[in-house]
């Protein structure tokens, strides 16, 4: 069985104190949601985790954002509201992840 590189799409938002990452299904899904907010976020977001990179841009070690960090940056720690703000204000980035295919 042939193995390929799996595409990975994320939205990065450089905040005041932190860099935030949300993984999404595709750049097209984000664009569709921006054009039509009736599209369910569940069809856009890949997992409901808001991650931080400790000011290392898109390449830092990913950790789950604490409620305090979310409150400081977004004025709320309600994940749905935070994810919406990241999708609206962030930059979509598509990368390919190398699979560690050991045959």
PDB file of N, CA and C in Angstrom:
ATOM      1  N   UNK A   1       0.847  -1.182   0.000  1.00  0.00           N
ATOM      2  CA  UNK A   1       0.000   0.000   0.000  1.00  0.00           C
ATOM      3  C   UNK A   1       0.890   1.242   0.000  1.00  0.00           C
ATOM      4  N   UNK A   2       0.638   2.130  -0.920  1.00  0.00           N
ATOM      5  CA  UNK A   2       1.431   3.357  -1.022  1.00  0.00           C
ATOM      6  C   UNK A   2       1.002   4.352   0.042  1.00  0.00           C
ATOM      7  N   UNK A   3       1.960   5.038   0.571  1.00  0.00           N
ATOM      8  CA  UNK A   3       1.658   6.054   1.580  1.00  0.00           C
ATOM      9  C   UNK A   3       2.050   7.412   1.023  1.00  0.00           C
ATOM     10  N   UNK A   4       1.219   8.404   1.310  1.00  0.00           N
ATOM     11  CA  UNK A   4       1.519   9.747   0.839  1.00  0.00           C
ATOM     12  C   UNK A   4       1.583  10.715   1.993  1.00  0.00           C
ATOM     13  N   UNK A   5       1.863  11.926   1.668  1.00  0.00           N
ATOM     14  CA  UNK A   5       1.863  12.974   2.677  1.00  0.00           C
ATOM     15  C   UNK A   5       0.448  13.470   2.850  1.00  0.00           C
ATOM     16  N   UNK A   6       0.008  13.542   4.072  1.00  0.00           N
ATOM     17  CA  UNK A   6      -1.352  13.994   4.351  1.00  0.00           C
ATOM     18  C   UNK A   6      -1.353  15.506   4.491  1.00  0.00           C
ATOM     19  N   UNK A   7      -2.234  16.209   3.775  1.00  0.00           N
ATOM     20  CA  UNK A   7      -2.301  17.663   3.944  1.00  0.00           C
ATOM     21  C   UNK A   7      -2.896  18.008   5.306  1.00  0.00           C
ATOM     22  N   UNK A   8      -2.401  19.061   5.882  1.00  0.00           N
ATOM     23  CA  UNK A   8      -2.899  19.523   7.172  1.00  0.00           C
ATOM     24  C   UNK A   8      -3.169  21.015   7.029  1.00  0.00           C
ATOM     25  N   UNK A   9      -4.356  21.436   7.405  1.00  0.00           N
ATOM     26  CA  UNK A   9      -4.729  22.836   7.255  1.00  0.00           C
ATOM     27  C   UNK A   9      -5.021  23.413   8.631  1.00  0.00           C
ATOM     28  N   UNK A  10      -4.469  24.591   8.874  1.00  0.00           N
ATOM     29  CA  UNK A  10      -4.694  25.249  10.157  1.00  0.00           C
ATOM     30  C   UNK A  10      -4.914  26.732   9.917  1.00  0.00           C
ATOM     31  N   UNK A  11      -5.519  27.360  10.907  1.00  0.00           N
ATOM     32  CA  UNK A  11      -5.690  28.808  10.889  1.00  0.00           C
ATOM     33  C   UNK A  11      -4.845  29.358  12.031  1.00  0.00           C
ATOM     34  N   UNK A  12      -3.965  30.298  11.692  1.00  0.00           N
ATOM     35  CA  UNK A  12      -3.041  30.905  12.662  1.00  0.00           C
ATOM     36  C   UNK A  12      -3.455  32.349  12.899  1.00  0.00           C
ATOM     37  N   UNK A  13      -3.540  32.721  14.162  1.00  0.00           N
ATOM     38  CA  UNK A  13      -3.830  34.112  14.528  1.00  0.00           C
ATOM     39  C   UNK A  13      -2.755  34.590  15.481  1.00  0.00           C
ATOM     40  N   UNK A  14      -2.063  35.650  15.084  1.00  0.00           N
ATOM     41  CA  UNK A  14      -1.066  36.244  15.971  1.00  0.00           C
ATOM     42  C   UNK A  14      -1.792  37.212  16.882  1.00  0.00           C
ATOM     43  N   UNK A  15      -1.898  36.843  18.134  1.00  0.00           N
ATOM     44  CA  UNK A  15      -2.594  37.673  19.113  1.00  0.00           C
ATOM     45  C   UNK A  15      -1.657  38.660  19.771  1.00  0.00           C
ATOM     46  N   UNK A  16      -2.177  39.364  20.763  1.00  0.00           N
ATOM     47  CA  UNK A  16      -1.375  40.357  21.483  1.00  0.00           C
ATOM     48  C   UNK A  16      -0.271  39.701  22.301  1.00  0.00           C
ATOM     49  N   UNK A  17      -0.598  38.570  22.937  1.00  0.00           N
ATOM     50  CA  UNK A  17       0.354  37.911  23.828  1.00  0.00           C
ATOM     51  C   UNK A  17       0.753  36.518  23.368  1.00  0.00           C
ATOM     52  N   UNK A  18       0.003  35.934  22.443  1.00  0.00           N
ATOM     53  CA  UNK A  18       0.194  34.534  22.061  1.00  0.00           C
ATOM     54  C   UNK A  18      -0.095  34.337  20.586  1.00  0.00           C
ATOM     55  N   UNK A  19       0.369  33.233  20.044  1.00  0.00           N
ATOM     56  CA  UNK A  19      -0.015  32.789  18.710  1.00  0.00           C
ATOM     57  C   UNK A  19      -1.013  31.653  18.889  1.00  0.00           C
ATOM     58  N   UNK A  20      -2.140  31.724  18.179  1.00  0.00           N
ATOM     59  CA  UNK A  20      -3.213  30.746  18.325  1.00  0.00           C
ATOM     60  C   UNK A  20      -3.360  29.943  17.048  1.00  0.00           C
ATOM     61  N   UNK A  21      -3.644  28.660  17.203  1.00  0.00           N
ATOM     62  CA  UNK A  21      -3.820  27.736  16.086  1.00  0.00           C
ATOM     63  C   UNK A  21      -5.127  26.971  16.277  1.00  0.00           C
ATOM     64  N   UNK A  22      -5.882  26.837  15.193  1.00  0.00           N
ATOM     65  CA  UNK A  22      -7.041  25.952  15.146  1.00  0.00           C
ATOM     66  C   UNK A  22      -6.894  25.118  13.889  1.00  0.00           C
ATOM     67  N   UNK A  23      -7.017  23.814  14.017  1.00  0.00           N
ATOM     68  CA  UNK A  23      -6.956  22.939  12.844  1.00  0.00           C
ATOM     69  C   UNK A  23      -8.322  22.871  12.187  1.00  0.00           C
ATOM     70  N   UNK A  24      -8.321  22.916  10.859  1.00  0.00           N
ATOM     71  CA  UNK A  24      -9.563  22.911  10.088  1.00  0.00           C
ATOM     72  C   UNK A  24      -9.491  21.824   9.013  1.00  0.00           C
ATOM     73  N   UNK A  25     -10.656  21.499   8.459  1.00  0.00           N
ATOM     74  CA  UNK A  25     -10.713  20.452   7.446  1.00  0.00           C
ATOM     75  C   UNK A  25     -10.037  20.870   6.146  1.00  0.00           C
ATOM     76  N   UNK A  26     -10.245  22.120   5.724  1.00  0.00           N
ATOM     77  CA  UNK A  26      -9.626  22.599   4.484  1.00  0.00           C
ATOM     78  C   UNK A  26      -9.751  24.112   4.402  1.00  0.00           C
ATOM     79  N   UNK A  27      -8.932  24.707   3.534  1.00  0.00           N
ATOM     80  CA  UNK A  27      -9.024  26.151   3.298  1.00  0.00           C
ATOM     81  C   UNK A  27     -10.381  26.489   2.688  1.00  0.00           C
ATOM     82  N   UNK A  28     -10.890  25.610   1.829  1.00  0.00           N
ATOM     83  CA  UNK A  28     -12.187  25.834   1.201  1.00  0.00           C
ATOM     84  C   UNK A  28     -13.295  25.850   2.248  1.00  0.00           C
ATOM     85  N   UNK A  29     -13.211  24.963   3.243  1.00  0.00           N
ATOM     86  CA  UNK A  29     -14.228  24.930   4.299  1.00  0.00           C
ATOM     87  C   UNK A  29     -14.261  26.251   5.061  1.00  0.00           C
ATOM     88  N   UNK A  30     -13.084  26.818   5.333  1.00  0.00           N
ATOM     89  CA  UNK A  30     -13.012  28.105   6.029  1.00  0.00           C
ATOM     90  C   UNK A  30     -13.636  29.204   5.165  1.00  0.00           C
ATOM     91  N   UNK A  31     -13.275  29.214   3.881  1.00  0.00           N
ATOM     92  CA  UNK A  31     -13.816  30.229   2.970  1.00  0.00           C
ATOM     93  C   UNK A  31     -15.329  30.100   2.838  1.00  0.00           C
ATOM     94  N   UNK A  32     -15.814  28.861   2.728  1.00  0.00           N
ATOM     95  CA  UNK A  32     -17.263  28.646   2.648  1.00  0.00           C
ATOM     96  C   UNK A  32     -17.959  29.193   3.889  1.00  0.00           C
ATOM     97  N   UNK A  33     -17.362  28.961   5.072  1.00  0.00           N
ATOM     98  CA  UNK A  33     -17.951  29.445   6.323  1.00  0.00           C
ATOM     99  C   UNK A  33     -17.928  30.980   6.372  1.00  0.00           C
ATOM    100  N   UNK A  34     -16.823  31.584   5.919  1.00  0.00           N
ATOM    101  CA  UNK A  34     -16.742  33.055   5.918  1.00  0.00           C
ATOM    102  C   UNK A  34     -17.809  33.656   5.011  1.00  0.00           C
ATOM    103  N   UNK A  35     -18.115  32.975   3.900  1.00  0.00           N
ATOM    104  CA  UNK A  35     -19.124  33.472   2.963  1.00  0.00           C
ATOM    105  C   UNK A  35     -20.544  33.179   3.416  1.00  0.00           C
ATOM    106  N   UNK A  36     -20.720  32.162   4.248  1.00  0.00           N
ATOM    107  CA  UNK A  36     -22.055  31.748   4.675  1.00  0.00           C
ATOM    108  C   UNK A  36     -21.969  31.218   6.102  1.00  0.00           C
ATOM    109  N   UNK A  37     -22.247  32.082   7.081  1.00  0.00           N
ATOM    110  CA  UNK A  37     -22.102  31.720   8.495  1.00  0.00           C
ATOM    111  C   UNK A  37     -23.112  30.668   8.945  1.00  0.00           C
ATOM    112  N   UNK A  38     -24.063  30.280   8.060  1.00  0.00           N
ATOM    113  CA  UNK A  38     -24.983  29.210   8.433  1.00  0.00           C
ATOM    114  C   UNK A  38     -24.331  27.834   8.294  1.00  0.00           C
ATOM    115  N   UNK A  39     -23.146  27.776   7.665  1.00  0.00           N
ATOM    116  CA  UNK A  39     -22.405  26.515   7.576  1.00  0.00           C
ATOM    117  C   UNK A  39     -21.990  26.131   9.003  1.00  0.00           C
ATOM    118  N   UNK A  40     -22.344  24.936   9.456  1.00  0.00           N
ATOM    119  CA  UNK A  40     -21.990  24.541  10.831  1.00  0.00           C
ATOM    120  C   UNK A  40     -20.474  24.506  11.037  1.00  0.00           C
ATOM    121  N   UNK A  41     -20.034  25.035  12.169  1.00  0.00           N
ATOM    122  CA  UNK A  41     -18.594  25.027  12.466  1.00  0.00           C
ATOM    123  C   UNK A  41     -18.044  23.606  12.498  1.00  0.00           C
ATOM    124  N   UNK A  42     -18.883  22.638  12.824  1.00  0.00           N
ATOM    125  CA  UNK A  42     -18.440  21.243  12.859  1.00  0.00           C
ATOM    126  C   UNK A  42     -17.981  20.768  11.486  1.00  0.00           C
ATOM    127  N   UNK A  43     -18.443  21.422  10.415  1.00  0.00           N
ATOM    128  CA  UNK A  43     -18.016  21.066   9.065  1.00  0.00           C
ATOM    129  C   UNK A  43     -16.742  21.802   8.656  1.00  0.00           C
ATOM    130  N   UNK A  44     -16.254  22.673   9.531  1.00  0.00           N
ATOM    131  CA  UNK A  44     -15.066  23.482   9.230  1.00  0.00           C
ATOM    132  C   UNK A  44     -13.893  23.077  10.129  1.00  0.00           C
ATOM    133  N   UNK A  45     -14.163  22.995  11.416  1.00  0.00           N
ATOM    134  CA  UNK A  45     -13.119  22.776  12.412  1.00  0.00           C
ATOM    135  C   UNK A  45     -12.818  21.286  12.559  1.00  0.00           C
ATOM    136  N   UNK A  46     -11.550  20.969  12.624  1.00  0.00           N
ATOM    137  CA  UNK A  46     -11.103  19.592  12.800  1.00  0.00           C
ATOM    138  C   UNK A  46     -10.648  19.431  14.248  1.00  0.00           C
ATOM    139  N   UNK A  47     -11.563  19.057  15.114  1.00  0.00           N
ATOM    140  CA  UNK A  47     -11.259  19.015  16.549  1.00  0.00           C
ATOM    141  C   UNK A  47     -11.535  20.377  17.153  1.00  0.00           C
ATOM    142  N   UNK A  48     -11.958  20.391  18.387  1.00  0.00           N
ATOM    143  CA  UNK A  48     -12.352  21.648  19.023  1.00  0.00           C
ATOM    144  C   UNK A  48     -11.314  22.132  20.002  1.00  0.00           C
ATOM    145  N   UNK A  49     -10.067  22.109  19.609  1.00  0.00           N
ATOM    146  CA  UNK A  49      -9.009  22.591  20.495  1.00  0.00           C
ATOM    147  C   UNK A  49      -8.427  23.886  19.955  1.00  0.00           C
ATOM    148  N   UNK A  50      -8.327  24.868  20.835  1.00  0.00           N
ATOM    149  CA  UNK A  50      -7.603  26.097  20.516  1.00  0.00           C
ATOM    150  C   UNK A  50      -6.220  25.899  21.113  1.00  0.00           C
ATOM    151  N   UNK A  51      -5.210  26.001  20.251  1.00  0.00           N
ATOM    152  CA  UNK A  51      -3.840  25.736  20.671  1.00  0.00           C
ATOM    153  C   UNK A  51      -3.010  27.013  20.658  1.00  0.00           C
ATOM    154  N   UNK A  52      -1.976  27.026  21.481  1.00  0.00           N
ATOM    155  CA  UNK A  52      -1.027  28.144  21.504  1.00  0.00           C
ATOM    156  C   UNK A  52       0.363  27.610  21.185  1.00  0.00           C
ATOM    157  N   UNK A  53       1.212  28.501  20.641  1.00  0.00           N
ATOM    158  CA  UNK A  53       2.582  28.102  20.284  1.00  0.00           C
ATOM    159  C   UNK A  53       3.629  28.832  21.119  1.00  0.00           C
ATOM    160  N   UNK A  54       3.207  29.494  22.176  1.00  0.00           N
ATOM    161  CA  UNK A  54       4.134  30.213  23.066  1.00  0.00           C
ATOM    162  C   UNK A  54       5.008  31.198  22.293  1.00  0.00           C
ATOM    163  N   UNK A  55       4.328  31.993  21.452  1.00  0.00           N
ATOM    164  CA  UNK A  55       4.965  33.058  20.675  1.00  0.00           C
ATOM    165  C   UNK A  55       5.977  32.543  19.650  1.00  0.00           C
ATOM    166  N   UNK A  56       5.789  31.320  19.171  1.00  0.00           N
ATOM    167  CA  UNK A  56       6.700  30.769  18.165  1.00  0.00           C
ATOM    168  C   UNK A  56       6.025  30.659  16.808  1.00  0.00           C
ATOM    169  N   UNK A  57       5.093  31.535  16.517  1.00  0.00           N
ATOM    170  CA  UNK A  57       4.446  31.532  15.216  1.00  0.00           C
ATOM    171  C   UNK A  57       3.708  30.232  14.967  1.00  0.00           C
ATOM    172  N   UNK A  58       3.799  29.737  13.741  1.00  0.00           N
ATOM    173  CA  UNK A  58       3.075  28.508  13.393  1.00  0.00           C
ATOM    174  C   UNK A  58       3.902  27.261  13.656  1.00  0.00           C
ATOM    175  N   UNK A  59       5.168  27.419  14.041  1.00  0.00           N
ATOM    176  CA  UNK A  59       6.055  26.271  14.145  1.00  0.00           C
ATOM    177  C   UNK A  59       6.358  25.844  15.577  1.00  0.00           C
ATOM    178  N   UNK A  60       5.855  26.541  16.561  1.00  0.00           N
ATOM    179  CA  UNK A  60       6.186  26.217  17.942  1.00  0.00           C
ATOM    180  C   UNK A  60       5.517  24.946  18.421  1.00  0.00           C
ATOM    181  N   UNK A  61       5.865  24.541  19.633  1.00  0.00           N
ATOM    182  CA  UNK A  61       5.231  23.400  20.281  1.00  0.00           C
ATOM    183  C   UNK A  61       3.792  23.792  20.585  1.00  0.00           C
ATOM    184  N   UNK A  62       2.863  22.916  20.230  1.00  0.00           N
ATOM    185  CA  UNK A  62       1.449  23.218  20.422  1.00  0.00           C
ATOM    186  C   UNK A  62       0.967  22.734  21.779  1.00  0.00           C
ATOM    187  N   UNK A  63       0.352  23.636  22.526  1.00  0.00           N
ATOM    188  CA  UNK A  63      -0.281  23.310  23.799  1.00  0.00           C
ATOM    189  C   UNK A  63      -1.700  23.839  23.778  1.00  0.00           C
ATOM    190  N   UNK A  64      -2.576  23.217  24.538  1.00  0.00           N
ATOM    191  CA  UNK A  64      -3.945  23.697  24.650  1.00  0.00           C
ATOM    192  C   UNK A  64      -3.946  25.044  25.365  1.00  0.00           C
ATOM    193  N   UNK A  65      -4.692  25.997  24.825  1.00  0.00           N
ATOM    194  CA  UNK A  65      -4.776  27.328  25.429  1.00  0.00           C
ATOM    195  C   UNK A  65      -5.576  27.256  26.725  1.00  0.00           C
ATOM    196  N   UNK A  66      -5.094  27.923  27.751  1.00  0.00           N
ATOM    197  CA  UNK A  66      -5.811  27.953  29.031  1.00  0.00           C
ATOM    198  C   UNK A  66      -6.976  28.942  28.946  1.00  0.00           C
ATOM    199  N   UNK A  67      -7.943  28.772  29.828  1.00  0.00           N
ATOM    200  CA  UNK A  67      -9.073  29.698  29.878  1.00  0.00           C
ATOM    201  C   UNK A  67      -8.604  31.125  30.120  1.00  0.00           C
ATOM    202  N   UNK A  68      -7.577  31.299  30.959  1.00  0.00           N
ATOM    203  CA  UNK A  68      -7.070  32.640  31.266  1.00  0.00           C
ATOM    204  C   UNK A  68      -6.486  33.299  30.019  1.00  0.00           C
ATOM    205  N   UNK A  69      -5.726  32.540  29.218  1.00  0.00           N
ATOM    206  CA  UNK A  69      -5.143  33.075  27.986  1.00  0.00           C
ATOM    207  C   UNK A  69      -6.255  33.478  27.020  1.00  0.00           C
ATOM    208  N   UNK A  70      -7.277  32.621  26.891  1.00  0.00           N
ATOM    209  CA  UNK A  70      -8.396  32.924  25.997  1.00  0.00           C
ATOM    210  C   UNK A  70      -9.148  34.164  26.462  1.00  0.00           C
ATOM    211  N   UNK A  71      -9.401  34.274  27.769  1.00  0.00           N
ATOM    212  CA  UNK A  71     -10.088  35.451  28.325  1.00  0.00           C
ATOM    213  C   UNK A  71      -9.300  36.726  28.037  1.00  0.00           C
ATOM    214  N   UNK A  72      -7.987  36.678  28.231  1.00  0.00           N
ATOM    215  CA  UNK A  72      -7.147  37.863  28.024  1.00  0.00           C
ATOM    216  C   UNK A  72      -7.156  38.315  26.570  1.00  0.00           C
ATOM    217  N   UNK A  73      -7.139  37.362  25.641  1.00  0.00           N
ATOM    218  CA  UNK A  73      -7.046  37.703  24.227  1.00  0.00           C
ATOM    219  C   UNK A  73      -8.402  38.004  23.596  1.00  0.00           C
ATOM    220  N   UNK A  74      -9.407  37.203  23.916  1.00  0.00           N
ATOM    221  CA  UNK A  74     -10.685  37.268  23.203  1.00  0.00           C
ATOM    222  C   UNK A  74     -11.844  37.792  24.053  1.00  0.00           C
ATOM    223  N   UNK A  75     -11.616  37.978  25.357  1.00  0.00           N
ATOM    224  CA  UNK A  75     -12.691  38.460  26.225  1.00  0.00           C
ATOM    225  C   UNK A  75     -13.677  37.368  26.608  1.00  0.00           C
ATOM    226  N   UNK A  76     -13.366  36.137  26.252  1.00  0.00           N
ATOM    227  CA  UNK A  76     -14.204  34.983  26.592  1.00  0.00           C
ATOM    228  C   UNK A  76     -13.342  33.733  26.530  1.00  0.00           C
ATOM    229  N   UNK A  77     -13.786  32.688  27.228  1.00  0.00           N
ATOM    230  CA  UNK A  77     -13.099  31.401  27.073  1.00  0.00           C
ATOM    231  C   UNK A  77     -14.048  30.363  26.465  1.00  0.00           C
ATOM    232  N   UNK A  78     -15.205  30.818  25.980  1.00  0.00           N
ATOM    233  CA  UNK A  78     -16.148  29.924  25.309  1.00  0.00           C
ATOM    234  C   UNK A  78     -15.539  29.548  23.955  1.00  0.00           C
ATOM    235  N   UNK A  79     -15.233  28.260  23.790  1.00  0.00           N
ATOM    236  CA  UNK A  79     -14.462  27.827  22.613  1.00  0.00           C
ATOM    237  C   UNK A  79     -15.129  28.180  21.293  1.00  0.00           C
ATOM    238  N   UNK A  80     -16.444  28.066  21.191  1.00  0.00           N
ATOM    239  CA  UNK A  80     -17.105  28.380  19.923  1.00  0.00           C
ATOM    240  C   UNK A  80     -16.869  29.835  19.527  1.00  0.00           C
ATOM    241  N   UNK A  81     -16.976  30.747  20.492  1.00  0.00           N
ATOM    242  CA  UNK A  81     -16.751  32.166  20.204  1.00  0.00           C
ATOM    243  C   UNK A  81     -15.292  32.437  19.828  1.00  0.00           C
ATOM    244  N   UNK A  82     -14.378  31.790  20.534  1.00  0.00           N
ATOM    245  CA  UNK A  82     -12.954  31.966  20.261  1.00  0.00           C
ATOM    246  C   UNK A  82     -12.607  31.429  18.872  1.00  0.00           C
ATOM    247  N   UNK A  83     -13.114  30.235  18.550  1.00  0.00           N
ATOM    248  CA  UNK A  83     -12.843  29.629  17.238  1.00  0.00           C
ATOM    249  C   UNK A  83     -13.363  30.533  16.122  1.00  0.00           C
ATOM    250  N   UNK A  84     -14.552  31.096  16.285  1.00  0.00           N
ATOM    251  CA  UNK A  84     -15.102  32.003  15.275  1.00  0.00           C
ATOM    252  C   UNK A  84     -14.174  33.197  15.050  1.00  0.00           C
ATOM    253  N   UNK A  85     -13.669  33.783  16.144  1.00  0.00           N
ATOM    254  CA  UNK A  85     -12.774  34.938  16.005  1.00  0.00           C
ATOM    255  C   UNK A  85     -11.473  34.545  15.300  1.00  0.00           C
ATOM    256  N   UNK A  86     -10.929  33.377  15.621  1.00  0.00           N
ATOM    257  CA  UNK A  86      -9.694  32.930  14.985  1.00  0.00           C
ATOM    258  C   UNK A  86      -9.931  32.695  13.499  1.00  0.00           C
ATOM    259  N   UNK A  87     -11.068  32.064  13.148  1.00  0.00           N
ATOM    260  CA  UNK A  87     -11.371  31.818  11.737  1.00  0.00           C
ATOM    261  C   UNK A  87     -11.549  33.128  10.973  1.00  0.00           C
ATOM    262  N   UNK A  88     -12.183  34.114  11.610  1.00  0.00           N
ATOM    263  CA  UNK A  88     -12.443  35.394  10.939  1.00  0.00           C
ATOM    264  C   UNK A  88     -11.173  36.213  10.763  1.00  0.00           C
ATOM    265  N   UNK A  89     -10.301  36.227  11.759  1.00  0.00           N
ATOM    266  CA  UNK A  89      -9.146  37.121  11.757  1.00  0.00           C
ATOM    267  C   UNK A  89      -7.825  36.459  11.404  1.00  0.00           C
ATOM    268  N   UNK A  90      -7.789  35.126  11.428  1.00  0.00           N
ATOM    269  CA  UNK A  90      -6.530  34.412  11.236  1.00  0.00           C
ATOM    270  C   UNK A  90      -6.195  34.142   9.781  1.00  0.00           C
ATOM    271  N   UNK A  91      -5.004  33.611   9.573  1.00  0.00           N
ATOM    272  CA  UNK A  91      -4.503  33.257   8.245  1.00  0.00           C
ATOM    273  C   UNK A  91      -4.547  31.745   8.076  1.00  0.00           C
ATOM    274  N   UNK A  92      -5.133  31.298   6.968  1.00  0.00           N
ATOM    275  CA  UNK A  92      -5.197  29.865   6.669  1.00  0.00           C
ATOM    276  C   UNK A  92      -3.851  29.421   6.113  1.00  0.00           C
ATOM    277  N   UNK A  93      -3.345  28.302   6.625  1.00  0.00           N
ATOM    278  CA  UNK A  93      -2.069  27.767   6.166  1.00  0.00           C
ATOM    279  C   UNK A  93      -2.228  26.278   5.918  1.00  0.00           C
ATOM    280  N   UNK A  94      -1.801  25.861   4.725  1.00  0.00           N
ATOM    281  CA  UNK A  94      -1.852  24.449   4.372  1.00  0.00           C
ATOM    282  C   UNK A  94      -0.434  23.909   4.317  1.00  0.00           C
ATOM    283  N   UNK A  95      -0.224  22.789   4.970  1.00  0.00           N
ATOM    284  CA  UNK A  95       1.087  22.147   4.969  1.00  0.00           C
ATOM    285  C   UNK A  95       0.896  20.659   4.701  1.00  0.00           C
ATOM    286  N   UNK A  96       1.977  20.006   4.371  1.00  0.00           N
ATOM    287  CA  UNK A  96       1.929  18.558   4.207  1.00  0.00           C
ATOM    288  C   UNK A  96       2.715  17.926   5.333  1.00  0.00           C
ATOM    289  N   UNK A  97       2.122  16.931   5.939  1.00  0.00           N
ATOM    290  CA  UNK A  97       2.755  16.243   7.063  1.00  0.00           C
ATOM    291  C   UNK A  97       3.402  14.965   6.543  1.00  0.00           C
ATOM    292  N   UNK A  98       4.658  14.797   6.853  1.00  0.00           N
ATOM    293  CA  UNK A  98       5.371  13.586   6.436  1.00  0.00           C
ATOM    294  C   UNK A  98       4.868  12.416   7.266  1.00  0.00           C
ATOM    295  N   UNK A  99       4.468  11.364   6.628  1.00  0.00           N
ATOM    296  CA  UNK A  99       4.078  10.181   7.389  1.00  0.00           C
ATOM    297  C   UNK A  99       5.334   9.384   7.695  1.00  0.00           C
ATOM    298  N   UNK A 100       5.341   8.780   8.845  1.00  0.00           N
ATOM    299  CA  UNK A 100       6.489   7.973   9.253  1.00  0.00           C
ATOM    300  C   UNK A 100       6.218   6.534   8.828  1.00  0.00           C
ATOM    301  N   UNK A 101       6.001   6.367   7.546  1.00  0.00           N
ATOM    302  CA  UNK A 101       5.609   5.065   7.021  1.00  0.00           C
ATOM    303  C   UNK A 101       6.743   4.059   7.070  1.00  0.00           C
ATOM    304  N   UNK A 102       6.653   3.150   7.988  1.00  0.00           N
ATOM    305  CA  UNK A 102       7.639   2.083   8.079  1.00  0.00           C
ATOM    306  C   UNK A 102       7.012   0.842   7.474  1.00  0.00           C
ATOM    307  N   UNK A 103       7.565   0.383   6.403  1.00  0.00           N
ATOM    308  CA  UNK A 103       7.001  -0.794   5.736  1.00  0.00           C
ATOM    309  C   UNK A 103       7.777  -2.033   6.085  1.00  0.00           C
TER     310      UNK A 103
END
